[in-house]
Amino acid sequence: MVGKTASCAAMALTVGAYAWPEQAHAVAVAAVVGLTAVSCAGIQKSALLTRVIVAVVLAVLAAVVVAAWTSGSADAARLDADSDTTVGGVLQAAGLLFFAFAGYARIATLGEEFRDPARTIPRAVPIALGITLVVYAAVAVSVLAVLGSDGLARAAAPLVETVRVAGVGRLAPVVQAGAAIAALGSLLALILGVSRTVLAMARDRHLPHALAAVHPKSQVPRHAELAVGSVVAVLAATADLRGAIGFSSFGVLLYYAVRRATADRP
């Protein structure tokens, strides 16, 4: 719960960093408040908003990939690994990159609200991971081909920088907006997932039982969602983006390590 709450703050700050860098914290808090309100309105509304966000983001990413490879700036030679690559650097990158793949677990945490979860979840998880891997790979290869590893490391907004170097700077505002929308989608999924974890822990009396209340009309754990939204809003107002991402990755890797260590025990 701690790791994923930090993830929520990281995504909220990412929204602010792309949408309005000078007021990143204020935008982050507004995003948390708005998406908490959507999640409290019911899972159907959250699912509809998620579909719209995914469609917009995939369209923007496809535009970036096409722009990269149809320009004269792309060079496959830039995909070669740098000679300075170290084992420590790869491990550090893997630890941070785990943050980008951990969203599949949100599928399982929403299992109570699925139709036929025993059938849906085992199918949805590999499909989600597969699609994500393909999209990440396509974008990563395209960006590296245009910017190279050094340029990518220096870029504050890699996809925006990619379209600018590719000669289609007019796409930059669209890509910037798409990045903010993508972060909103991740934030919504995280708020939904963390609130359901809080609900389960409250039912088992590991957290105050009042957080286990489910709204009779919308059938969502509003108390848990409001509690999560409040904590994330405070973090979004005070935390640093890199620190939030790093702490989130640490927390997530730690609890996966604990789960793996206990998996084989009788």
C-alpha atoms as a PDB file:
ATOM      1  CA  MET A   1       0.000   0.000   0.000  1.00  0.00           C
ATOM      2  CA  VAL A   2       2.865   2.364   0.821  1.00  0.00           C
ATOM      3  CA  GLY A   3       4.673   1.587  -2.442  1.00  0.00           C
ATOM      4  CA  LYS A   4       1.587   2.094  -4.569  1.00  0.00           C
ATOM      5  CA  THR A   5       0.608   5.260  -2.726  1.00  0.00           C
ATOM      6  CA  ALA A   6       4.018   6.632  -3.699  1.00  0.00           C
ATOM      7  CA  SER A   7       3.258   5.517  -7.266  1.00  0.00           C
ATOM      8  CA  CYS A   8       0.068   7.564  -7.167  1.00  0.00           C
ATOM      9  CA  ALA A   9       2.022  10.643  -6.084  1.00  0.00           C
ATOM     10  CA  ALA A  10       4.598  10.032  -8.822  1.00  0.00           C
ATOM     11  CA  MET A  11       1.930   9.831 -11.516  1.00  0.00           C
ATOM     12  CA  ALA A  12       0.150  12.915 -10.217  1.00  0.00           C
ATOM     13  CA  LEU A  13       3.417  14.871 -10.301  1.00  0.00           C
ATOM     14  CA  THR A  14       4.079  13.572 -13.817  1.00  0.00           C
ATOM     15  CA  VAL A  15       0.732  15.019 -14.899  1.00  0.00           C
ATOM     16  CA  GLY A  16       1.767  18.359 -13.425  1.00  0.00           C
ATOM     17  CA  ALA A  17       5.245  18.235 -14.945  1.00  0.00           C
ATOM     18  CA  TYR A  18       3.819  17.810 -18.449  1.00  0.00           C
ATOM     19  CA  ALA A  19       0.660  19.904 -18.185  1.00  0.00           C
ATOM     20  CA  TRP A  20       2.070  22.968 -16.385  1.00  0.00           C
ATOM     21  CA  PRO A  21       5.673  22.588 -15.155  1.00  0.00           C
ATOM     22  CA  GLU A  22       5.691  25.890 -13.272  1.00  0.00           C
ATOM     23  CA  GLN A  23       2.675  24.782 -11.192  1.00  0.00           C
ATOM     24  CA  ALA A  24       3.334  21.039 -11.175  1.00  0.00           C
ATOM     25  CA  HIS A  25       2.319  20.485  -7.559  1.00  0.00           C
ATOM     26  CA  ALA A  26      -0.942  22.410  -7.867  1.00  0.00           C
ATOM     27  CA  VAL A  27      -1.889  20.535 -11.052  1.00  0.00           C
ATOM     28  CA  ALA A  28      -0.953  17.238  -9.393  1.00  0.00           C
ATOM     29  CA  VAL A  29      -3.275  17.897  -6.468  1.00  0.00           C
ATOM     30  CA  ALA A  30      -6.091  18.938  -8.834  1.00  0.00           C
ATOM     31  CA  ALA A  31      -5.612  15.721 -10.823  1.00  0.00           C
ATOM     32  CA  VAL A  32      -5.844  13.622  -7.651  1.00  0.00           C
ATOM     33  CA  VAL A  33      -9.006  15.397  -6.521  1.00  0.00           C
ATOM     34  CA  GLY A  34     -10.653  15.065  -9.936  1.00  0.00           C
ATOM     35  CA  LEU A  35      -9.854  11.379 -10.423  1.00  0.00           C
ATOM     36  CA  THR A  36     -10.847  10.531  -6.861  1.00  0.00           C
ATOM     37  CA  ALA A  37     -14.236  12.065  -7.639  1.00  0.00           C
ATOM     38  CA  VAL A  38     -14.497   9.944 -10.800  1.00  0.00           C
ATOM     39  CA  SER A  39     -13.594   6.766  -8.917  1.00  0.00           C
ATOM     40  CA  CYS A  40     -16.193   7.527  -6.259  1.00  0.00           C
ATOM     41  CA  ALA A  41     -18.857   7.842  -8.971  1.00  0.00           C
ATOM     42  CA  GLY A  42     -18.600   4.140  -9.841  1.00  0.00           C
ATOM     43  CA  ILE A  43     -16.420   1.625 -11.618  1.00  0.00           C
ATOM     44  CA  GLN A  44     -18.361   1.974 -14.895  1.00  0.00           C
ATOM     45  CA  LYS A  45     -17.486   5.650 -15.213  1.00  0.00           C
ATOM     46  CA  SER A  46     -13.860   4.904 -14.348  1.00  0.00           C
ATOM     47  CA  ALA A  47     -13.748   2.166 -16.999  1.00  0.00           C
ATOM     48  CA  LEU A  48     -15.241   4.475 -19.637  1.00  0.00           C
ATOM     49  CA  LEU A  49     -12.709   7.210 -18.890  1.00  0.00           C
ATOM     50  CA  THR A  50      -9.911   4.643 -19.021  1.00  0.00           C
ATOM     51  CA  ARG A  51     -10.989   3.475 -22.504  1.00  0.00           C
ATOM     52  CA  VAL A  52     -10.920   7.057 -23.790  1.00  0.00           C
ATOM     53  CA  ILE A  53      -7.501   7.708 -22.254  1.00  0.00           C
ATOM     54  CA  VAL A  54      -5.992   4.511 -23.688  1.00  0.00           C
ATOM     55  CA  ALA A  55      -7.299   5.291 -27.188  1.00  0.00           C
ATOM     56  CA  VAL A  56      -5.869   8.835 -27.110  1.00  0.00           C
ATOM     57  CA  VAL A  57      -2.497   7.749 -25.730  1.00  0.00           C
ATOM     58  CA  LEU A  58      -2.028   4.919 -28.249  1.00  0.00           C
ATOM     59  CA  ALA A  59      -2.829   7.334 -31.090  1.00  0.00           C
ATOM     60  CA  VAL A  60      -0.222   9.828 -29.818  1.00  0.00           C
ATOM     61  CA  LEU A  61       2.439   7.137 -29.379  1.00  0.00           C
ATOM     62  CA  ALA A  62       1.755   5.812 -32.876  1.00  0.00           C
ATOM     63  CA  ALA A  63       2.241   9.342 -34.226  1.00  0.00           C
ATOM     64  CA  VAL A  64       5.614   9.594 -32.436  1.00  0.00           C
ATOM     65  CA  VAL A  65       6.806   6.255 -33.847  1.00  0.00           C
ATOM     66  CA  VAL A  66       5.727   7.145 -37.392  1.00  0.00           C
ATOM     67  CA  ALA A  67       7.295  10.618 -37.152  1.00  0.00           C
ATOM     68  CA  ALA A  68      10.576   9.133 -35.916  1.00  0.00           C
ATOM     69  CA  TRP A  69      10.970   6.572 -38.696  1.00  0.00           C
ATOM     70  CA  THR A  70       9.699   8.726 -41.561  1.00  0.00           C
ATOM     71  CA  SER A  71      12.181  11.491 -40.772  1.00  0.00           C
ATOM     72  CA  GLY A  72      15.776  11.584 -41.877  1.00  0.00           C
ATOM     73  CA  SER A  73      16.909  11.741 -38.241  1.00  0.00           C
ATOM     74  CA  ALA A  74      16.420   8.060 -37.392  1.00  0.00           C
ATOM     75  CA  ASP A  75      19.576   5.940 -37.474  1.00  0.00           C
ATOM     76  CA  ALA A  76      19.520   2.271 -36.465  1.00  0.00           C
ATOM     77  CA  ALA A  77      23.212   2.514 -35.529  1.00  0.00           C
ATOM     78  CA  ARG A  78      22.201   4.504 -32.447  1.00  0.00           C
ATOM     79  CA  LEU A  79      20.571   1.359 -31.051  1.00  0.00           C
ATOM     80  CA  ASP A  80      23.976  -0.193 -30.323  1.00  0.00           C
ATOM     81  CA  ALA A  81      24.738  -0.452 -26.602  1.00  0.00           C
ATOM     82  CA  ASP A  82      27.146   2.123 -25.218  1.00  0.00           C
ATOM     83  CA  SER A  83      30.567   0.778 -24.238  1.00  0.00           C
ATOM     84  CA  ASP A  84      30.134   2.288 -20.759  1.00  0.00           C
ATOM     85  CA  THR A  85      27.237  -0.045 -19.917  1.00  0.00           C
ATOM     86  CA  THR A  86      27.762  -1.678 -16.507  1.00  0.00           C
ATOM     87  CA  VAL A  87      25.987  -4.394 -14.553  1.00  0.00           C
ATOM     88  CA  GLY A  88      25.189  -1.886 -11.815  1.00  0.00           C
ATOM     89  CA  GLY A  89      23.677   0.517 -14.331  1.00  0.00           C
ATOM     90  CA  VAL A  90      21.511  -2.213 -15.833  1.00  0.00           C
ATOM     91  CA  LEU A  91      20.273  -3.258 -12.375  1.00  0.00           C
ATOM     92  CA  GLN A  92      19.449   0.338 -11.458  1.00  0.00           C
ATOM     93  CA  ALA A  93      17.577   0.791 -14.722  1.00  0.00           C
ATOM     94  CA  ALA A  94      15.702  -2.487 -14.203  1.00  0.00           C
ATOM     95  CA  GLY A  95      14.644  -1.420 -10.720  1.00  0.00           C
ATOM     96  CA  LEU A  96      13.191   1.829 -12.031  1.00  0.00           C
ATOM     97  CA  LEU A  97      11.718   0.203 -15.133  1.00  0.00           C
ATOM     98  CA  PHE A  98       9.795  -2.224 -12.915  1.00  0.00           C
ATOM     99  CA  PHE A  99       7.732   0.816 -11.952  1.00  0.00           C
ATOM    100  CA  ALA A 100       6.501   0.964 -15.555  1.00  0.00           C
ATOM    101  CA  PHE A 101       5.307  -2.663 -15.657  1.00  0.00           C
ATOM    102  CA  ALA A 102       3.795  -3.058 -12.198  1.00  0.00           C
ATOM    103  CA  GLY A 103       0.381  -1.814 -13.315  1.00  0.00           C
ATOM    104  CA  TYR A 104      -0.760  -5.299 -14.324  1.00  0.00           C
ATOM    105  CA  ALA A 105      -1.445  -6.007 -10.634  1.00  0.00           C
ATOM    106  CA  ARG A 106      -4.273  -3.458 -10.721  1.00  0.00           C
ATOM    107  CA  ILE A 107      -6.243  -6.005 -12.736  1.00  0.00           C
ATOM    108  CA  ALA A 108      -6.153  -8.451  -9.841  1.00  0.00           C
ATOM    109  CA  THR A 109      -7.002  -5.881  -7.167  1.00  0.00           C
ATOM    110  CA  LEU A 110     -10.211  -5.032  -9.032  1.00  0.00           C
ATOM    111  CA  GLY A 111     -11.221  -8.689  -9.249  1.00  0.00           C
ATOM    112  CA  GLU A 112     -14.222  -8.234  -6.961  1.00  0.00           C
ATOM    113  CA  GLU A 113     -15.827  -5.990  -9.576  1.00  0.00           C
ATOM    114  CA  PHE A 114     -15.219  -8.273 -12.581  1.00  0.00           C
ATOM    115  CA  ARG A 115     -17.665 -10.612 -14.187  1.00  0.00           C
ATOM    116  CA  ASP A 116     -16.269 -14.154 -13.866  1.00  0.00           C
ATOM    117  CA  PRO A 117     -12.921 -13.068 -12.306  1.00  0.00           C
ATOM    118  CA  ALA A 118     -11.559 -16.638 -12.228  1.00  0.00           C
ATOM    119  CA  ARG A 119     -11.650 -16.640 -16.035  1.00  0.00           C
ATOM    120  CA  THR A 120     -11.074 -12.943 -16.772  1.00  0.00           C
ATOM    121  CA  ILE A 121      -8.003 -12.209 -14.619  1.00  0.00           C
ATOM    122  CA  PRO A 122      -5.742 -15.059 -15.883  1.00  0.00           C
ATOM    123  CA  ARG A 123      -6.495 -13.950 -19.451  1.00  0.00           C
ATOM    124  CA  ALA A 124      -6.256 -10.200 -18.859  1.00  0.00           C
ATOM    125  CA  VAL A 125      -2.863 -10.148 -17.108  1.00  0.00           C
ATOM    126  CA  PRO A 126      -0.738 -11.712 -19.912  1.00  0.00           C
ATOM    127  CA  ILE A 127      -2.653  -9.774 -22.569  1.00  0.00           C
ATOM    128  CA  ALA A 128      -2.035  -6.487 -20.733  1.00  0.00           C
ATOM    129  CA  LEU A 129       1.651  -7.272 -20.196  1.00  0.00           C
ATOM    130  CA  GLY A 130       2.077  -8.341 -23.822  1.00  0.00           C
ATOM    131  CA  ILE A 131       0.495  -5.211 -25.259  1.00  0.00           C
ATOM    132  CA  THR A 132       2.481  -3.007 -22.880  1.00  0.00           C
ATOM    133  CA  LEU A 133       5.761  -4.695 -23.787  1.00  0.00           C
ATOM    134  CA  VAL A 134       5.154  -4.249 -27.522  1.00  0.00           C
ATOM    135  CA  VAL A 135       4.221  -0.573 -27.121  1.00  0.00           C
ATOM    136  CA  TYR A 136       7.191   0.162 -24.846  1.00  0.00           C
ATOM    137  CA  ALA A 137       9.581  -1.594 -27.224  1.00  0.00           C
ATOM    138  CA  ALA A 138       8.291   0.264 -30.283  1.00  0.00           C
ATOM    139  CA  VAL A 139       8.543   3.646 -28.560  1.00  0.00           C
ATOM    140  CA  ALA A 140      11.954   2.920 -27.003  1.00  0.00           C
ATOM    141  CA  VAL A 141      13.510   1.792 -30.282  1.00  0.00           C
ATOM    142  CA  SER A 142      12.082   4.808 -32.114  1.00  0.00           C
ATOM    143  CA  VAL A 143      13.310   7.307 -29.529  1.00  0.00           C
ATOM    144  CA  LEU A 144      16.772   5.738 -29.357  1.00  0.00           C
ATOM    145  CA  ALA A 145      17.064   5.749 -33.142  1.00  0.00           C
ATOM    146  CA  VAL A 146      16.486   9.513 -33.176  1.00  0.00           C
ATOM    147  CA  LEU A 147      18.138  10.719 -29.960  1.00  0.00           C
ATOM    148  CA  GLY A 148      20.649   7.989 -29.125  1.00  0.00           C
ATOM    149  CA  SER A 149      21.285   6.889 -25.540  1.00  0.00           C
ATOM    150  CA  ASP A 150      23.119  10.092 -24.585  1.00  0.00           C
ATOM    151  CA  GLY A 151      20.430  12.345 -26.022  1.00  0.00           C
ATOM    152  CA  LEU A 152      17.728  10.292 -24.364  1.00  0.00           C
ATOM    153  CA  ALA A 153      19.482  10.548 -20.996  1.00  0.00           C
ATOM    154  CA  ARG A 154      19.666  14.346 -21.285  1.00  0.00           C
ATOM    155  CA  ALA A 155      16.087  14.857 -22.485  1.00  0.00           C
ATOM    156  CA  ALA A 156      13.643  16.141 -19.871  1.00  0.00           C
ATOM    157  CA  ALA A 157      10.709  15.211 -22.148  1.00  0.00           C
ATOM    158  CA  PRO A 158      12.051  12.452 -24.446  1.00  0.00           C
ATOM    159  CA  LEU A 159       9.046  12.068 -26.749  1.00  0.00           C
ATOM    160  CA  VAL A 160       8.680  15.810 -27.220  1.00  0.00           C
ATOM    161  CA  GLU A 161      12.395  16.051 -27.982  1.00  0.00           C
ATOM    162  CA  THR A 162      12.079  13.161 -30.436  1.00  0.00           C
ATOM    163  CA  VAL A 163       9.449  14.846 -32.604  1.00  0.00           C
ATOM    164  CA  ARG A 164      11.394  18.111 -32.526  1.00  0.00           C
ATOM    165  CA  VAL A 165      14.633  16.454 -33.671  1.00  0.00           C
ATOM    166  CA  ALA A 166      12.636  14.524 -36.265  1.00  0.00           C
ATOM    167  CA  GLY A 167      11.534  17.834 -37.778  1.00  0.00           C
ATOM    168  CA  VAL A 168       7.872  17.725 -36.777  1.00  0.00           C
ATOM    169  CA  GLY A 169       7.905  20.211 -33.938  1.00  0.00           C
ATOM    170  CA  ARG A 170       4.244  20.974 -34.544  1.00  0.00           C
ATOM    171  CA  LEU A 171       3.497  17.631 -32.888  1.00  0.00           C
ATOM    172  CA  ALA A 172       5.261  18.665 -29.678  1.00  0.00           C
ATOM    173  CA  PRO A 173       2.178  20.180 -27.948  1.00  0.00           C
ATOM    174  CA  VAL A 174       0.130  17.105 -28.926  1.00  0.00           C
ATOM    175  CA  VAL A 175       2.777  14.759 -27.512  1.00  0.00           C
ATOM    176  CA  GLN A 176       3.044  16.820 -24.342  1.00  0.00           C
ATOM    177  CA  ALA A 177      -0.730  16.678 -23.865  1.00  0.00           C
ATOM    178  CA  GLY A 178      -0.696  12.941 -24.610  1.00  0.00           C
ATOM    179  CA  ALA A 179       1.937  12.384 -21.917  1.00  0.00           C
ATOM    180  CA  ALA A 180      -0.174  14.217 -19.356  1.00  0.00           C
ATOM    181  CA  ILE A 181      -3.243  12.201 -20.365  1.00  0.00           C
ATOM    182  CA  ALA A 182      -1.272   8.944 -20.118  1.00  0.00           C
ATOM    183  CA  ALA A 183      -0.167   9.842 -16.592  1.00  0.00           C
ATOM    184  CA  LEU A 184      -3.806  10.589 -15.727  1.00  0.00           C
ATOM    185  CA  GLY A 185      -4.764   7.101 -16.883  1.00  0.00           C
ATOM    186  CA  SER A 186      -2.065   5.513 -14.728  1.00  0.00           C
ATOM    187  CA  LEU A 187      -3.098   7.633 -11.758  1.00  0.00           C
ATOM    188  CA  LEU A 188      -6.737   6.575 -12.110  1.00  0.00           C
ATOM    189  CA  ALA A 189      -5.808   2.884 -12.231  1.00  0.00           C
ATOM    190  CA  LEU A 190      -3.561   3.283  -9.200  1.00  0.00           C
ATOM    191  CA  ILE A 191      -6.186   5.076  -7.120  1.00  0.00           C
ATOM    192  CA  LEU A 192      -8.687   2.331  -7.927  1.00  0.00           C
ATOM    193  CA  GLY A 193      -6.199  -0.404  -7.058  1.00  0.00           C
ATOM    194  CA  VAL A 194      -4.856   1.087  -3.823  1.00  0.00           C
ATOM    195  CA  SER A 195      -8.353   1.840  -2.529  1.00  0.00           C
ATOM    196  CA  ARG A 196      -9.351  -1.812  -3.086  1.00  0.00           C
ATOM    197  CA  THR A 197      -6.261  -2.940  -1.177  1.00  0.00           C
ATOM    198  CA  VAL A 198      -7.275  -0.633   1.669  1.00  0.00           C
ATOM    199  CA  LEU A 199     -10.795  -2.097   1.507  1.00  0.00           C
ATOM    200  CA  ALA A 200      -9.474  -5.664   1.827  1.00  0.00           C
ATOM    201  CA  MET A 201      -7.141  -4.752   4.700  1.00  0.00           C
ATOM    202  CA  ALA A 202      -9.964  -2.939   6.509  1.00  0.00           C
ATOM    203  CA  ARG A 203     -12.210  -5.993   6.155  1.00  0.00           C
ATOM    204  CA  ASP A 204      -9.481  -8.068   7.827  1.00  0.00           C
ATOM    205  CA  ARG A 205      -9.148  -5.456  10.596  1.00  0.00           C
ATOM    206  CA  HIS A 206      -5.580  -4.534   9.578  1.00  0.00           C
ATOM    207  CA  LEU A 207      -6.859  -0.994   9.034  1.00  0.00           C
ATOM    208  CA  PRO A 208      -9.798   0.859  10.642  1.00  0.00           C
ATOM    209  CA  HIS A 209     -12.972  -1.075   9.817  1.00  0.00           C
ATOM    210  CA  ALA A 210     -14.758   2.118   8.730  1.00  0.00           C
ATOM    211  CA  LEU A 211     -12.667   2.000   5.537  1.00  0.00           C
ATOM    212  CA  ALA A 212     -14.430  -1.247   4.569  1.00  0.00           C
ATOM    213  CA  ALA A 213     -17.730   0.539   3.912  1.00  0.00           C
ATOM    214  CA  VAL A 214     -19.134   0.104   0.383  1.00  0.00           C
ATOM    215  CA  HIS A 215     -21.559   2.678  -1.000  1.00  0.00           C
ATOM    216  CA  PRO A 216     -24.970   1.043  -1.527  1.00  0.00           C
ATOM    217  CA  LYS A 217     -25.647   2.745  -4.873  1.00  0.00           C
ATOM    218  CA  SER A 218     -22.293   2.977  -6.653  1.00  0.00           C
ATOM    219  CA  GLN A 219     -20.932  -0.197  -4.993  1.00  0.00           C
ATOM    220  CA  VAL A 220     -17.490   1.369  -4.528  1.00  0.00           C
ATOM    221  CA  PRO A 221     -15.477   1.711  -1.279  1.00  0.00           C
ATOM    222  CA  ARG A 222     -15.876   5.463  -1.008  1.00  0.00           C
ATOM    223  CA  HIS A 223     -14.320   5.771   2.439  1.00  0.00           C
ATOM    224  CA  ALA A 224     -11.213   3.948   1.243  1.00  0.00           C
ATOM    225  CA  GLU A 225     -11.087   5.978  -1.963  1.00  0.00           C
ATOM    226  CA  LEU A 226     -11.398   9.282  -0.116  1.00  0.00           C
ATOM    227  CA  ALA A 227      -8.728   8.231   2.375  1.00  0.00           C
ATOM    228  CA  VAL A 228      -6.329   7.217  -0.400  1.00  0.00           C
ATOM    229  CA  GLY A 229      -7.083  10.385  -2.370  1.00  0.00           C
ATOM    230  CA  SER A 230      -6.395  12.556   0.682  1.00  0.00           C
ATOM    231  CA  VAL A 231      -3.021  10.947   1.394  1.00  0.00           C
ATOM    232  CA  VAL A 232      -1.968  11.093  -2.256  1.00  0.00           C
ATOM    233  CA  ALA A 233      -3.011  14.748  -2.501  1.00  0.00           C
ATOM    234  CA  VAL A 234      -0.768  15.615   0.450  1.00  0.00           C
ATOM    235  CA  LEU A 235       2.154  13.721  -1.102  1.00  0.00           C
ATOM    236  CA  ALA A 236       1.544  15.341  -4.491  1.00  0.00           C
ATOM    237  CA  ALA A 237       1.682  18.766  -2.851  1.00  0.00           C
ATOM    238  CA  THR A 238       4.965  18.123  -1.062  1.00  0.00           C
ATOM    239  CA  ALA A 239       6.978  15.321  -2.718  1.00  0.00           C
ATOM    240  CA  ASP A 240       9.641  15.397  -5.432  1.00  0.00           C
ATOM    241  CA  LEU A 241       8.913  13.496  -8.678  1.00  0.00           C
ATOM    242  CA  ARG A 242      12.181  11.543  -8.837  1.00  0.00           C
ATOM    243  CA  GLY A 243      12.029  10.761  -5.149  1.00  0.00           C
ATOM    244  CA  ALA A 244       8.452   9.504  -5.484  1.00  0.00           C
ATOM    245  CA  ILE A 245       9.350   7.232  -8.411  1.00  0.00           C
ATOM    246  CA  GLY A 246      12.437   5.887  -6.645  1.00  0.00           C
ATOM    247  CA  PHE A 247      10.603   5.219  -3.392  1.00  0.00           C
ATOM    248  CA  SER A 248       7.718   3.627  -5.264  1.00  0.00           C
ATOM    249  CA  SER A 249      10.063   1.258  -7.095  1.00  0.00           C
ATOM    250  CA  PHE A 250      11.797   0.399  -3.811  1.00  0.00           C
ATOM    251  CA  GLY A 251       8.502  -0.318  -2.048  1.00  0.00           C
ATOM    252  CA  VAL A 252       7.103  -2.401  -4.904  1.00  0.00           C
ATOM    253  CA  LEU A 253      10.278  -4.465  -5.316  1.00  0.00           C
ATOM    254  CA  LEU A 254      10.428  -4.995  -1.543  1.00  0.00           C
ATOM    255  CA  TYR A 255       6.913  -6.396  -1.245  1.00  0.00           C
ATOM    256  CA  TYR A 256       7.365  -8.576  -4.322  1.00  0.00           C
ATOM    257  CA  ALA A 257      10.526  -9.950  -2.701  1.00  0.00           C
ATOM    258  CA  VAL A 258       8.579 -10.700   0.490  1.00  0.00           C
ATOM    259  CA  ARG A 259       5.812 -12.416  -1.480  1.00  0.00           C
ATOM    260  CA  ARG A 260       8.309 -14.470  -3.450  1.00  0.00           C
ATOM    261  CA  ALA A 261      10.153 -15.513  -0.297  1.00  0.00           C
ATOM    262  CA  THR A 262       6.914 -16.762   1.273  1.00  0.00           C
ATOM    263  CA  ALA A 263       5.416 -18.355  -1.850  1.00  0.00           C
ATOM    264  CA  ASP A 264       7.105 -21.726  -1.357  1.00  0.00           C
ATOM    265  CA  ARG A 265       6.346 -21.996   2.337  1.00  0.00           C
ATOM    266  CA  PRO A 266       3.657 -24.521   3.360  1.00  0.00           C
END
